[in-house]
Amino acid sequence: MAQDSSGRIHDSVIEMTISARKQRKRLYTLDTAAVGRVMVVPISPDLRKQYGVKRAPIRKGDTVTVIKGDKEIKGIEGKVSKVDRRSRQVTVDGITVAKADGKQSARPVSFSNLMITALAQDAKRNLKRGG
């Protein structure tokens, strides 16, 4: 919060900090709607030309490619089956881990390691620059 010369507090001005501790606290205490705005993923160059935006919020049904992370999963492309806002993790079809009993279980991936290659088309999604 910022104060003007009369001592009034203005909500429109957000104080920025370089303190990692304060940044982490703000990230982990966000409400779920704000976390959805934080969980944005870069989109492929073809989609950038088509929609005129660089990033989009990740949603169930999007097709993504893993661009960072472990060697086992890097480069894998799949459809998003679940977006967990609480843990800020995404479950992608085709990315699994073997359990001790031999069964395969879905492996969550951080949203920051992904790039959207195809968008899920739904009525609510609106990608317009300068909206």
C-alpha atoms as a PDB file:
ATOM      1  CA  MET A   1       0.000   0.000   0.000  1.00  0.00           C
ATOM      2  CA  ALA A   2       1.200   3.504  -0.773  1.00  0.00           C
ATOM      3  CA  GLN A   3       0.441   6.732   1.000  1.00  0.00           C
ATOM      4  CA  ASP A   4       0.103  10.163  -0.574  1.00  0.00           C
ATOM      5  CA  SER A   5       1.026  13.489   1.058  1.00  0.00           C
ATOM      6  CA  SER A   6      -2.263  13.580   2.999  1.00  0.00           C
ATOM      7  CA  GLY A   7      -1.589  10.141   4.509  1.00  0.00           C
ATOM      8  CA  ARG A   8      -4.326   8.312   2.587  1.00  0.00           C
ATOM      9  CA  ILE A   9      -3.593   4.784   1.445  1.00  0.00           C
ATOM     10  CA  HIS A  10      -4.089   3.903  -2.214  1.00  0.00           C
ATOM     11  CA  ASP A  11      -4.777   0.315  -3.303  1.00  0.00           C
ATOM     12  CA  SER A  12      -3.959   0.962  -6.954  1.00  0.00           C
ATOM     13  CA  VAL A  13      -0.244   1.262  -6.234  1.00  0.00           C
ATOM     14  CA  ILE A  14       1.320  -2.053  -5.281  1.00  0.00           C
ATOM     15  CA  GLU A  15       4.628  -1.963  -3.501  1.00  0.00           C
ATOM     16  CA  MET A  16       7.233  -4.164  -5.125  1.00  0.00           C
ATOM     17  CA  THR A  17       9.926  -5.898  -3.156  1.00  0.00           C
ATOM     18  CA  ILE A  18      13.138  -7.684  -4.009  1.00  0.00           C
ATOM     19  CA  SER A  19      12.974  -9.778  -0.874  1.00  0.00           C
ATOM     20  CA  ALA A  20      12.621 -13.446  -1.852  1.00  0.00           C
ATOM     21  CA  ARG A  21      10.971 -14.209   1.493  1.00  0.00           C
ATOM     22  CA  LYS A  22       8.207 -11.646   0.905  1.00  0.00           C
ATOM     23  CA  GLN A  23       7.709 -12.730  -2.707  1.00  0.00           C
ATOM     24  CA  ARG A  24       7.273 -16.367  -1.656  1.00  0.00           C
ATOM     25  CA  LYS A  25       4.825 -15.369   1.066  1.00  0.00           C
ATOM     26  CA  ARG A  26       2.721 -13.393  -1.434  1.00  0.00           C
ATOM     27  CA  LEU A  27       2.742 -16.320  -3.861  1.00  0.00           C
ATOM     28  CA  TYR A  28       1.730 -18.924  -1.276  1.00  0.00           C
ATOM     29  CA  THR A  29      -0.999 -16.807   0.333  1.00  0.00           C
ATOM     30  CA  LEU A  30      -2.847 -15.943  -2.884  1.00  0.00           C
ATOM     31  CA  ASP A  31      -6.474 -16.947  -3.303  1.00  0.00           C
ATOM     32  CA  THR A  32      -7.279 -19.512  -5.999  1.00  0.00           C
ATOM     33  CA  ALA A  33      -8.509 -16.926  -8.514  1.00  0.00           C
ATOM     34  CA  ALA A  34      -5.232 -15.037  -8.274  1.00  0.00           C
ATOM     35  CA  VAL A  35      -3.255 -18.289  -8.567  1.00  0.00           C
ATOM     36  CA  GLY A  36      -5.059 -18.921 -11.858  1.00  0.00           C
ATOM     37  CA  ARG A  37      -3.772 -15.569 -13.122  1.00  0.00           C
ATOM     38  CA  VAL A  38      -0.248 -16.453 -11.972  1.00  0.00           C
ATOM     39  CA  MET A  39      -0.267 -19.854 -13.698  1.00  0.00           C
ATOM     40  CA  VAL A  40       0.330 -18.547 -17.223  1.00  0.00           C
ATOM     41  CA  VAL A  41       2.344 -20.532 -19.755  1.00  0.00           C
ATOM     42  CA  PRO A  42       4.112 -19.372 -22.926  1.00  0.00           C
ATOM     43  CA  ILE A  43       2.419 -20.392 -26.148  1.00  0.00           C
ATOM     44  CA  SER A  44       4.065 -21.697 -29.339  1.00  0.00           C
ATOM     45  CA  PRO A  45       5.251 -19.233 -32.007  1.00  0.00           C
ATOM     46  CA  ASP A  46       2.450 -20.267 -34.404  1.00  0.00           C
ATOM     47  CA  LEU A  47      -0.202 -19.474 -31.794  1.00  0.00           C
ATOM     48  CA  ARG A  48       1.548 -16.197 -30.955  1.00  0.00           C
ATOM     49  CA  LYS A  49       1.058 -15.023 -34.527  1.00  0.00           C
ATOM     50  CA  GLN A  50      -2.552 -16.209 -34.563  1.00  0.00           C
ATOM     51  CA  TYR A  51      -3.685 -14.691 -31.246  1.00  0.00           C
ATOM     52  CA  GLY A  52      -1.170 -11.871 -30.759  1.00  0.00           C
ATOM     53  CA  VAL A  53      -0.278 -12.838 -27.175  1.00  0.00           C
ATOM     54  CA  LYS A  54       2.816 -14.472 -25.661  1.00  0.00           C
ATOM     55  CA  ARG A  55       1.276 -16.284 -22.680  1.00  0.00           C
ATOM     56  CA  ALA A  56      -2.048 -17.816 -21.712  1.00  0.00           C
ATOM     57  CA  PRO A  57      -3.493 -19.314 -18.531  1.00  0.00           C
ATOM     58  CA  ILE A  58      -3.183 -23.091 -18.594  1.00  0.00           C
ATOM     59  CA  ARG A  59      -6.427 -25.070 -18.691  1.00  0.00           C
ATOM     60  CA  LYS A  60      -7.601 -28.643 -18.799  1.00  0.00           C
ATOM     61  CA  GLY A  61      -7.667 -29.825 -22.410  1.00  0.00           C
ATOM     62  CA  ASP A  62      -4.715 -27.740 -23.645  1.00  0.00           C
ATOM     63  CA  THR A  63      -1.982 -29.614 -25.488  1.00  0.00           C
ATOM     64  CA  VAL A  64       1.427 -28.836 -23.994  1.00  0.00           C
ATOM     65  CA  THR A  65       5.072 -29.714 -24.521  1.00  0.00           C
ATOM     66  CA  VAL A  66       7.549 -30.064 -21.653  1.00  0.00           C
ATOM     67  CA  ILE A  67      10.385 -27.643 -22.443  1.00  0.00           C
ATOM     68  CA  LYS A  68      12.322 -27.827 -19.150  1.00  0.00           C
ATOM     69  CA  GLY A  69      12.906 -30.451 -16.526  1.00  0.00           C
ATOM     70  CA  ASP A  70      14.208 -34.009 -16.248  1.00  0.00           C
ATOM     71  CA  LYS A  71      15.635 -35.808 -19.268  1.00  0.00           C
ATOM     72  CA  GLU A  72      12.906 -38.457 -19.020  1.00  0.00           C
ATOM     73  CA  ILE A  73      10.062 -35.993 -19.583  1.00  0.00           C
ATOM     74  CA  LYS A  74      11.681 -33.177 -21.574  1.00  0.00           C
ATOM     75  CA  GLY A  75      10.173 -32.959 -25.062  1.00  0.00           C
ATOM     76  CA  ILE A  76       7.064 -35.006 -24.269  1.00  0.00           C
ATOM     77  CA  GLU A  77       3.826 -33.631 -25.700  1.00  0.00           C
ATOM     78  CA  GLY A  78       0.449 -34.428 -24.195  1.00  0.00           C
ATOM     79  CA  LYS A  79      -2.957 -33.140 -23.196  1.00  0.00           C
ATOM     80  CA  VAL A  80      -3.501 -31.500 -19.804  1.00  0.00           C
ATOM     81  CA  SER A  81      -5.742 -33.752 -17.740  1.00  0.00           C
ATOM     82  CA  LYS A  82      -5.694 -31.827 -14.446  1.00  0.00           C
ATOM     83  CA  VAL A  83      -4.628 -28.393 -13.179  1.00  0.00           C
ATOM     84  CA  ASP A  84      -4.033 -28.257  -9.426  1.00  0.00           C
ATOM     85  CA  ARG A  85      -3.972 -24.633  -8.312  1.00  0.00           C
ATOM     86  CA  ARG A  86      -3.204 -25.459  -4.693  1.00  0.00           C
ATOM     87  CA  SER A  87       0.109 -27.162  -5.464  1.00  0.00           C
ATOM     88  CA  ARG A  88       0.656 -25.208  -8.717  1.00  0.00           C
ATOM     89  CA  GLN A  89       1.137 -28.493 -10.589  1.00  0.00           C
ATOM     90  CA  VAL A  90      -0.243 -29.804 -13.879  1.00  0.00           C
ATOM     91  CA  THR A  91      -0.929 -33.438 -14.795  1.00  0.00           C
ATOM     92  CA  VAL A  92      -0.209 -34.261 -18.434  1.00  0.00           C
ATOM     93  CA  ASP A  93      -1.344 -37.418 -20.241  1.00  0.00           C
ATOM     94  CA  GLY A  94       1.638 -39.584 -21.096  1.00  0.00           C
ATOM     95  CA  ILE A  95       3.844 -38.479 -18.204  1.00  0.00           C
ATOM     96  CA  THR A  96       3.827 -41.203 -15.576  1.00  0.00           C
ATOM     97  CA  VAL A  97       6.074 -42.617 -12.871  1.00  0.00           C
ATOM     98  CA  ALA A  98       6.409 -46.280 -11.895  1.00  0.00           C
ATOM     99  CA  LYS A  99       5.276 -47.097  -8.361  1.00  0.00           C
ATOM    100  CA  ALA A 100       6.892 -49.725  -6.161  1.00  0.00           C
ATOM    101  CA  ASP A 101       4.233 -52.314  -7.033  1.00  0.00           C
ATOM    102  CA  GLY A 102       4.822 -51.828 -10.774  1.00  0.00           C
ATOM    103  CA  LYS A 103       1.731 -49.713 -11.495  1.00  0.00           C
ATOM    104  CA  GLN A 104       1.986 -46.419 -13.352  1.00  0.00           C
ATOM    105  CA  SER A 105       0.860 -43.219 -11.666  1.00  0.00           C
ATOM    106  CA  ALA A 106       0.416 -39.725 -13.126  1.00  0.00           C
ATOM    107  CA  ARG A 107       3.409 -37.497 -12.476  1.00  0.00           C
ATOM    108  CA  PRO A 108       2.669 -33.824 -11.759  1.00  0.00           C
ATOM    109  CA  VAL A 109       4.749 -31.239 -13.617  1.00  0.00           C
ATOM    110  CA  SER A 110       5.324 -27.598 -12.701  1.00  0.00           C
ATOM    111  CA  PHE A 111       3.456 -25.197 -14.980  1.00  0.00           C
ATOM    112  CA  SER A 112       6.660 -23.197 -15.472  1.00  0.00           C
ATOM    113  CA  ASN A 113       8.211 -26.124 -17.389  1.00  0.00           C
ATOM    114  CA  LEU A 114       5.516 -26.212 -20.087  1.00  0.00           C
ATOM    115  CA  MET A 115       4.661 -24.524 -23.393  1.00  0.00           C
ATOM    116  CA  ILE A 116       1.171 -24.599 -24.918  1.00  0.00           C
ATOM    117  CA  THR A 117       1.100 -25.986 -28.469  1.00  0.00           C
ATOM    118  CA  ALA A 118      -2.687 -26.201 -28.950  1.00  0.00           C
ATOM    119  CA  LEU A 119      -5.417 -24.419 -27.020  1.00  0.00           C
ATOM    120  CA  ALA A 120      -8.569 -26.080 -25.770  1.00  0.00           C
ATOM    121  CA  GLN A 121     -11.469 -24.294 -27.386  1.00  0.00           C
ATOM    122  CA  ASP A 122     -14.206 -23.235 -25.015  1.00  0.00           C
ATOM    123  CA  ALA A 123     -16.595 -20.297 -24.778  1.00  0.00           C
ATOM    124  CA  LYS A 124     -14.938 -18.710 -21.739  1.00  0.00           C
ATOM    125  CA  ARG A 125     -11.410 -18.466 -23.156  1.00  0.00           C
ATOM    126  CA  ASN A 126     -10.797 -15.038 -24.617  1.00  0.00           C
ATOM    127  CA  LEU A 127      -7.311 -14.278 -25.902  1.00  0.00           C
ATOM    128  CA  LYS A 128      -7.276 -10.713 -27.133  1.00  0.00           C
ATOM    129  CA  ARG A 129      -4.404  -8.323 -26.775  1.00  0.00           C
ATOM    130  CA  GLY A 130      -5.094  -5.261 -24.662  1.00  0.00           C
ATOM    131  CA  GLY A 131      -8.478  -6.728 -23.575  1.00  0.00           C
END
